[in-house]
Amino acid sequence: MAVCYLRSVLSQCHRHVLKQTACRDPSLTCTIQSWTSIRFYAATAAKGRTKDDKEKKGKTKKEIKAEIEEKRKDTSRPKPYGFAAWEPTDDVYLARFYPKPLLEPETAVNLLKRYQELDFTYPKQPVYVELTLDMKLEKKKKVDQFVGYLNYPYPFTAEENKILVFTEDGDAVEIAKDNGALFAGGSELVEKVLNDDIKADFYIATPEMVPKLNSLKNKLRKKLPKSKRGTVGRDVSKMIQLVKTCHEYQVDQECLIQTKIAMLDMPCEHIIANLEALIKDTCSHKPLNFGPFVEKLLISSASSEALYLDFKKFLPQQPENESD
């Protein structure tokens, strides 16, 4: 009896490792079925992660990109990291296989003008620059994001900025209007700004008016008066003169400045002079003993590609007695 039970169990186990196959002969009306054995293979062993893979997994894309950029700065290598060579040997080549060339400011500006002629675009188009900054200070400290005000040596707009002053002081209202403010007043102006009845390029406020401007945060956003922007204070006339004819720029995305510096139809010398003024004003926000503030600079027009610029000659130099 036990032998019968054992035979039954073994037959069931055998069926689990077999699969049924069928074949049909066209000359016959029946189907021939048979059992074919199945062979189970062991799963392939997972490949062990290398040390580099483990390090990359714990880093963000931004950190990995920064490491690659740092490796590409090593000029002692026979070829730059990730590229075919330092520079092409032919005048026809794939640009993605070579690092972007650094152009002299005069060459870059003339190229932008040439692109405009070849593309038949409007000559009076703005010229933009993008500055990448090194915000690091000692240890883990960084330069705070800032807003700068600059009077270009060669302005590219003749219009003065429209200024609105929030103040409840009658004397301050008179001073604001005498210095060229378009609007000046107290809480009654808040409702007008919310309803889009009045608009301005810059908004200035005295300290006692700041708590009453909370309702304008979503409306004005970056234009909201703040002390660190120099638009909140007691000296109304000084603040107005600061923003009346100036150009405003600010740091975005932690380390980027993207702003306009000129119009493309301006002389090349004027465009370069405005660029130099912007670089020097930007560098004034970080002590020189921490190294160059500007790491990379791109210049472009409204209808052209961006060009990498060699800007080292515009960087302020630290006096020799301080470096020693």
Protein backbone atom coordinates (compact mmCIF):
# COMPACT_ATOMS: atom_id res chain seq x y z
CA MET A 1 0.00 0.00 0.00
CA ALA A 2 2.82 2.35 0.93
CA VAL A 3 4.49 1.62 -2.39
CA CYS A 4 1.35 2.78 -4.23
CA TYR A 5 1.26 6.04 -2.33
CA LEU A 6 4.97 6.67 -3.02
CA ARG A 7 4.47 5.96 -6.73
CA SER A 8 1.57 8.46 -6.81
CA VAL A 9 3.63 11.21 -5.15
CA LEU A 10 6.59 10.71 -7.45
CA SER A 11 4.40 10.83 -10.51
CA GLN A 12 2.91 14.20 -9.41
CA CYS A 13 6.40 15.61 -8.79
CA HIS A 14 7.47 14.42 -12.21
CA ARG A 15 4.53 16.20 -13.86
CA HIS A 16 5.65 19.54 -12.39
CA VAL A 17 8.92 19.39 -14.30
CA LEU A 18 7.31 18.38 -17.56
CA LYS A 19 5.39 20.41 -20.09
CA GLN A 20 2.83 19.06 -22.46
CA THR A 21 3.54 19.43 -26.18
CA ALA A 22 1.20 18.64 -29.02
CA CYS A 23 1.79 17.88 -32.66
CA ARG A 24 -0.82 17.47 -35.34
CA ASP A 25 -0.40 15.35 -38.45
CA PRO A 26 -2.51 16.67 -41.37
CA SER A 27 -3.09 13.11 -42.61
CA LEU A 28 -4.49 12.06 -39.26
CA THR A 29 -7.56 13.19 -37.41
CA CYS A 30 -6.00 12.80 -33.98
CA THR A 31 -3.52 14.85 -32.01
CA ILE A 32 -0.42 13.23 -30.56
CA GLN A 33 0.44 14.55 -27.09
CA SER A 34 3.69 13.91 -25.28
CA TRP A 35 5.45 15.14 -22.14
CA THR A 36 8.78 16.90 -22.56
CA SER A 37 11.04 17.58 -19.63
CA ILE A 38 11.74 21.17 -18.59
CA ARG A 39 15.15 22.21 -17.38
CA PHE A 40 15.25 25.06 -14.87
CA TYR A 41 18.37 27.26 -15.05
CA ALA A 42 19.74 29.22 -12.14
CA ALA A 43 19.27 32.99 -12.32
CA THR A 44 22.32 34.93 -13.42
CA ALA A 45 24.17 36.54 -10.56
CA ALA A 46 23.68 40.30 -10.25
CA LYS A 47 26.75 42.29 -11.13
CA GLY A 48 28.37 43.90 -8.14
CA ARG A 49 28.40 47.68 -8.10
CA THR A 50 31.74 49.32 -8.51
CA LYS A 51 33.01 52.03 -6.21
CA ASP A 52 32.37 54.72 -8.83
CA ASP A 53 28.74 53.59 -9.27
CA LYS A 54 28.13 53.81 -5.53
CA GLU A 55 29.64 57.30 -5.39
CA LYS A 56 27.57 58.50 -8.35
CA LYS A 57 24.34 57.17 -6.85
CA GLY A 58 24.74 59.35 -3.76
CA LYS A 59 25.30 62.54 -5.79
CA THR A 60 22.88 64.83 -7.57
CA LYS A 61 23.08 65.61 -11.27
CA LYS A 62 24.28 69.10 -10.40
CA GLU A 63 27.18 67.74 -8.34
CA ILE A 64 28.17 65.26 -11.05
CA LYS A 65 28.11 68.03 -13.66
CA ALA A 66 30.28 70.23 -11.42
CA GLU A 67 32.83 67.40 -11.08
CA ILE A 68 32.97 66.95 -14.85
CA GLU A 69 33.51 70.69 -15.34
CA GLU A 70 36.30 70.60 -12.76
CA LYS A 71 38.02 67.69 -14.57
CA ARG A 72 37.83 69.57 -17.86
CA LYS A 73 39.84 72.44 -16.36
CA ASP A 74 42.91 70.21 -16.12
CA THR A 75 45.04 71.42 -19.03
CA SER A 76 47.82 68.90 -18.32
CA ARG A 77 45.76 66.10 -19.88
CA PRO A 78 46.51 65.12 -23.50
CA LYS A 79 42.83 65.77 -24.27
CA PRO A 80 40.02 67.29 -22.18
CA TYR A 81 37.81 64.99 -20.17
CA GLY A 82 34.89 63.78 -22.32
CA PHE A 83 36.15 65.36 -25.57
CA ALA A 84 38.16 64.18 -28.57
CA ALA A 85 40.84 66.89 -28.42
CA TRP A 86 41.51 70.38 -27.10
CA GLU A 87 40.81 71.96 -30.47
CA PRO A 88 39.90 70.73 -33.97
CA THR A 89 42.57 70.32 -36.63
CA ASP A 90 40.18 70.99 -39.53
CA ASP A 91 37.76 73.81 -40.33
CA VAL A 92 34.87 71.33 -40.60
CA TYR A 93 34.17 69.35 -37.41
CA LEU A 94 31.46 68.22 -34.99
CA ALA A 95 31.26 70.87 -32.28
CA ARG A 96 30.11 68.48 -29.56
CA PHE A 97 33.44 66.62 -29.66
CA TYR A 98 35.48 69.71 -28.71
CA PRO A 99 35.30 72.25 -25.87
CA LYS A 100 33.73 75.61 -26.65
CA PRO A 101 36.38 78.15 -27.71
CA LEU A 102 36.93 81.23 -25.55
CA LEU A 103 36.62 84.35 -27.69
CA GLU A 104 38.03 87.80 -27.15
CA PRO A 105 35.30 90.37 -26.35
CA GLU A 106 35.84 92.28 -29.60
CA THR A 107 35.68 89.07 -31.65
CA ALA A 108 32.51 87.90 -29.91
CA VAL A 109 30.67 91.21 -30.37
CA ASN A 110 31.64 91.38 -34.05
CA LEU A 111 30.39 87.81 -34.49
CA LEU A 112 27.01 88.75 -32.99
CA LYS A 113 26.74 91.64 -35.43
CA ARG A 114 27.69 89.32 -38.30
CA TYR A 115 25.07 86.76 -37.25
CA GLN A 116 22.43 89.49 -37.33
CA GLU A 117 23.38 90.45 -40.89
CA LEU A 118 23.36 86.84 -42.12
CA ASP A 119 20.01 86.07 -40.46
CA PHE A 120 18.39 89.32 -41.64
CA THR A 121 17.08 90.00 -38.14
CA TYR A 122 16.27 93.35 -36.55
CA PRO A 123 19.50 95.28 -35.83
CA LYS A 124 18.12 97.01 -32.71
CA GLN A 125 17.97 93.89 -30.57
CA PRO A 126 19.24 93.54 -26.99
CA VAL A 127 22.56 91.96 -26.04
CA TYR A 128 22.45 89.64 -23.05
CA VAL A 129 25.11 88.15 -20.79
CA GLU A 130 25.00 85.24 -18.36
CA LEU A 131 27.51 85.23 -15.51
CA THR A 132 28.21 82.10 -13.47
CA LEU A 133 29.49 83.07 -10.02
CA ASP A 134 31.60 81.29 -7.41
CA MET A 135 29.57 82.00 -4.27
CA LYS A 136 31.85 80.06 -1.89
CA LEU A 137 33.56 81.76 1.03
CA GLU A 138 35.58 80.24 3.87
CA LYS A 139 34.44 76.85 5.20
CA LYS A 140 30.72 76.35 4.46
CA LYS A 141 29.81 80.03 4.14
CA LYS A 142 28.52 81.50 0.89
CA VAL A 143 27.84 84.93 -0.55
CA ASP A 144 24.18 85.80 -0.10
CA GLN A 145 22.14 86.31 -3.24
CA PHE A 146 22.07 90.02 -3.97
CA VAL A 147 20.51 92.69 -6.16
CA GLY A 148 22.77 95.21 -7.87
CA TYR A 149 22.12 98.65 -9.31
CA LEU A 150 24.41 99.92 -12.04
CA ASN A 151 24.60 103.05 -14.16
CA TYR A 152 26.13 101.92 -17.45
CA PRO A 153 28.73 104.23 -19.01
CA TYR A 154 26.74 104.05 -22.25
CA PRO A 155 23.01 103.79 -21.45
CA PHE A 156 20.89 102.07 -24.09
CA THR A 157 17.58 103.60 -23.08
CA ALA A 158 16.69 107.28 -22.81
CA GLU A 159 13.63 106.75 -20.61
CA GLU A 160 13.82 107.20 -16.86
CA ASN A 161 12.44 104.49 -14.60
CA LYS A 162 8.93 104.98 -13.23
CA ILE A 163 9.08 105.16 -9.43
CA LEU A 164 6.34 104.76 -6.82
CA VAL A 165 6.98 105.76 -3.20
CA PHE A 166 4.95 104.37 -0.28
CA THR A 167 5.02 106.82 2.62
CA GLU A 168 2.54 108.48 4.97
CA ASP A 169 4.82 111.40 5.75
CA GLY A 170 3.62 114.55 3.97
CA ASP A 171 7.14 115.98 3.71
CA ALA A 172 8.45 112.73 2.23
CA VAL A 173 5.66 112.83 -0.38
CA GLU A 174 6.76 116.32 -1.48
CA ILE A 175 10.42 115.27 -1.57
CA ALA A 176 9.53 112.21 -3.68
CA LYS A 177 7.60 114.24 -6.24
CA ASP A 178 10.34 116.90 -6.41
CA ASN A 179 12.93 114.18 -7.17
CA GLY A 180 10.94 112.67 -10.02
CA ALA A 181 8.72 110.00 -8.42
CA LEU A 182 5.67 109.31 -10.56
CA PHE A 183 3.46 108.35 -7.61
CA ALA A 184 3.80 109.01 -3.88
CA GLY A 185 1.35 108.31 -1.08
CA GLY A 186 0.28 105.99 1.72
CA SER A 187 -2.11 103.07 2.08
CA GLU A 188 -4.45 104.40 -0.61
CA LEU A 189 -1.89 103.42 -3.28
CA VAL A 190 -1.88 99.74 -2.20
CA GLU A 191 -5.40 99.16 -3.51
CA LYS A 192 -4.61 100.93 -6.78
CA VAL A 193 -1.56 98.72 -7.34
CA LEU A 194 -3.61 95.59 -6.63
CA ASN A 195 -6.22 96.67 -9.19
CA ASP A 196 -3.55 97.50 -11.81
CA ASP A 197 -4.64 101.13 -11.84
CA ILE A 198 -1.04 102.25 -11.47
CA LYS A 199 2.26 100.52 -12.36
CA ALA A 200 5.92 101.41 -11.85
CA ASP A 201 9.38 100.03 -12.56
CA PHE A 202 10.58 100.48 -8.97
CA TYR A 203 8.71 100.59 -5.67
CA ILE A 204 10.20 102.42 -2.68
CA ALA A 205 8.87 102.51 0.88
CA THR A 206 9.64 104.04 4.26
CA PRO A 207 10.05 101.54 7.18
CA GLU A 208 6.63 102.21 8.76
CA MET A 209 4.89 101.27 5.48
CA VAL A 210 6.51 97.82 5.11
CA PRO A 211 3.94 95.88 7.27
CA LYS A 212 1.10 97.41 5.21
CA LEU A 213 2.53 96.01 1.95
CA ASN A 214 2.03 92.31 2.78
CA SER A 215 -0.96 92.14 0.44
CA LEU A 216 1.35 93.11 -2.47
CA LYS A 217 3.77 90.18 -2.09
CA ASN A 218 2.16 88.05 -4.80
CA LYS A 219 1.56 91.08 -6.99
CA LEU A 220 4.99 92.72 -6.95
CA ARG A 221 7.07 89.62 -6.20
CA LYS A 222 10.70 90.63 -6.81
CA LYS A 223 9.81 94.31 -7.03
CA LEU A 224 8.48 94.40 -3.46
CA PRO A 225 10.43 97.01 -1.43
CA LYS A 226 13.14 95.40 0.71
CA SER A 227 15.96 96.84 2.77
CA LYS A 228 18.59 94.53 1.21
CA ARG A 229 17.61 95.84 -2.23
CA GLY A 230 18.07 99.41 -1.06
CA THR A 231 14.40 100.29 -1.61
CA VAL A 232 13.39 100.66 2.06
CA GLY A 233 14.75 103.57 4.08
CA ARG A 234 14.32 107.08 5.44
CA ASP A 235 16.31 108.97 2.81
CA VAL A 236 13.70 109.06 0.03
CA SER A 237 15.65 111.34 -2.29
CA LYS A 238 18.77 109.12 -2.12
CA MET A 239 16.77 105.98 -2.93
CA ILE A 240 15.08 107.70 -5.87
CA GLN A 241 18.39 108.86 -7.32
CA LEU A 242 19.71 105.29 -6.95
CA VAL A 243 16.99 103.70 -9.10
CA LYS A 244 16.03 106.64 -11.33
CA THR A 245 18.39 105.92 -14.22
CA CYS A 246 20.09 102.72 -13.08
CA HIS A 247 19.93 99.19 -14.43
CA GLU A 248 18.94 96.46 -11.97
CA TYR A 249 20.39 92.95 -12.01
CA GLN A 250 20.13 90.13 -9.49
CA VAL A 251 21.45 86.67 -8.67
CA ASP A 252 19.07 83.83 -9.57
CA GLN A 253 19.34 80.05 -9.17
CA GLU A 254 21.97 80.53 -6.45
CA CYS A 255 24.82 81.58 -8.75
CA LEU A 256 23.55 83.03 -12.07
CA ILE A 257 23.17 86.59 -13.31
CA GLN A 258 21.24 86.99 -16.55
CA THR A 259 20.82 90.58 -17.70
CA LYS A 260 20.88 93.00 -20.60
CA ILE A 261 23.97 95.13 -21.22
CA ALA A 262 23.42 96.94 -24.54
CA MET A 263 21.72 97.04 -27.92
CA LEU A 264 23.35 95.29 -30.86
CA ASP A 265 23.44 98.40 -33.05
CA MET A 266 25.65 100.23 -30.52
CA PRO A 267 29.39 100.57 -31.30
CA CYS A 268 31.51 97.61 -30.28
CA GLU A 269 33.52 99.74 -27.83
CA HIS A 270 30.37 100.86 -26.00
CA ILE A 271 29.10 97.28 -25.61
CA ILE A 272 32.44 96.14 -24.19
CA ALA A 273 32.59 99.14 -21.82
CA ASN A 274 29.14 98.26 -20.42
CA LEU A 275 30.22 94.63 -20.03
CA GLU A 276 33.33 95.64 -18.11
CA ALA A 277 31.26 97.89 -15.82
CA LEU A 278 28.89 95.02 -15.03
CA ILE A 279 31.73 92.59 -14.23
CA LYS A 280 33.49 95.04 -11.91
CA ASP A 281 30.28 95.97 -10.12
CA THR A 282 29.44 92.28 -9.64
CA CYS A 283 32.91 91.50 -8.27
CA SER A 284 32.49 94.21 -5.62
CA HIS A 285 30.09 91.90 -3.73
CA LYS A 286 32.84 89.41 -2.80
CA PRO A 287 36.28 90.04 -1.20
CA LEU A 288 39.13 89.66 -3.68
CA ASN A 289 41.17 87.41 -1.37
CA PHE A 290 38.67 84.56 -1.98
CA GLY A 291 39.57 84.38 -5.66
CA PRO A 292 37.74 85.38 -8.85
CA PHE A 293 34.01 85.87 -8.38
CA VAL A 294 33.01 85.29 -12.02
CA GLU A 295 33.71 81.75 -13.26
CA LYS A 296 32.07 81.71 -16.70
CA LEU A 297 30.52 84.28 -19.02
CA LEU A 298 28.24 83.84 -22.03
CA ILE A 299 27.19 86.61 -24.39
CA SER A 300 24.37 86.47 -26.94
CA SER A 301 21.83 88.58 -28.77
CA ALA A 302 18.08 88.02 -28.96
CA SER A 303 18.43 85.95 -32.16
CA SER A 304 21.87 84.32 -31.90
CA GLU A 305 23.59 81.48 -30.13
CA ALA A 306 25.56 82.09 -26.94
CA LEU A 307 29.33 82.59 -27.19
CA TYR A 308 31.89 81.87 -24.47
CA LEU A 309 33.90 84.95 -23.56
CA ASP A 310 37.46 85.37 -22.27
CA PHE A 311 36.81 87.99 -19.57
CA LYS A 312 39.89 87.66 -17.34
CA LYS A 313 41.24 91.09 -18.27
CA PHE A 314 38.10 92.71 -16.81
CA LEU A 315 38.44 91.10 -13.37
CA PRO A 316 39.67 93.42 -10.60
CA GLN A 317 43.13 92.51 -9.36
CA GLN A 318 44.11 92.23 -5.71
CA PRO A 319 46.89 94.66 -4.65
CA GLU A 320 50.25 92.96 -4.20
CA ASN A 321 50.74 94.19 -0.62
CA GLU A 322 47.42 92.57 0.41
CA SER A 323 48.18 89.24 -1.27
CA ASP A 324 51.49 89.05 0.60
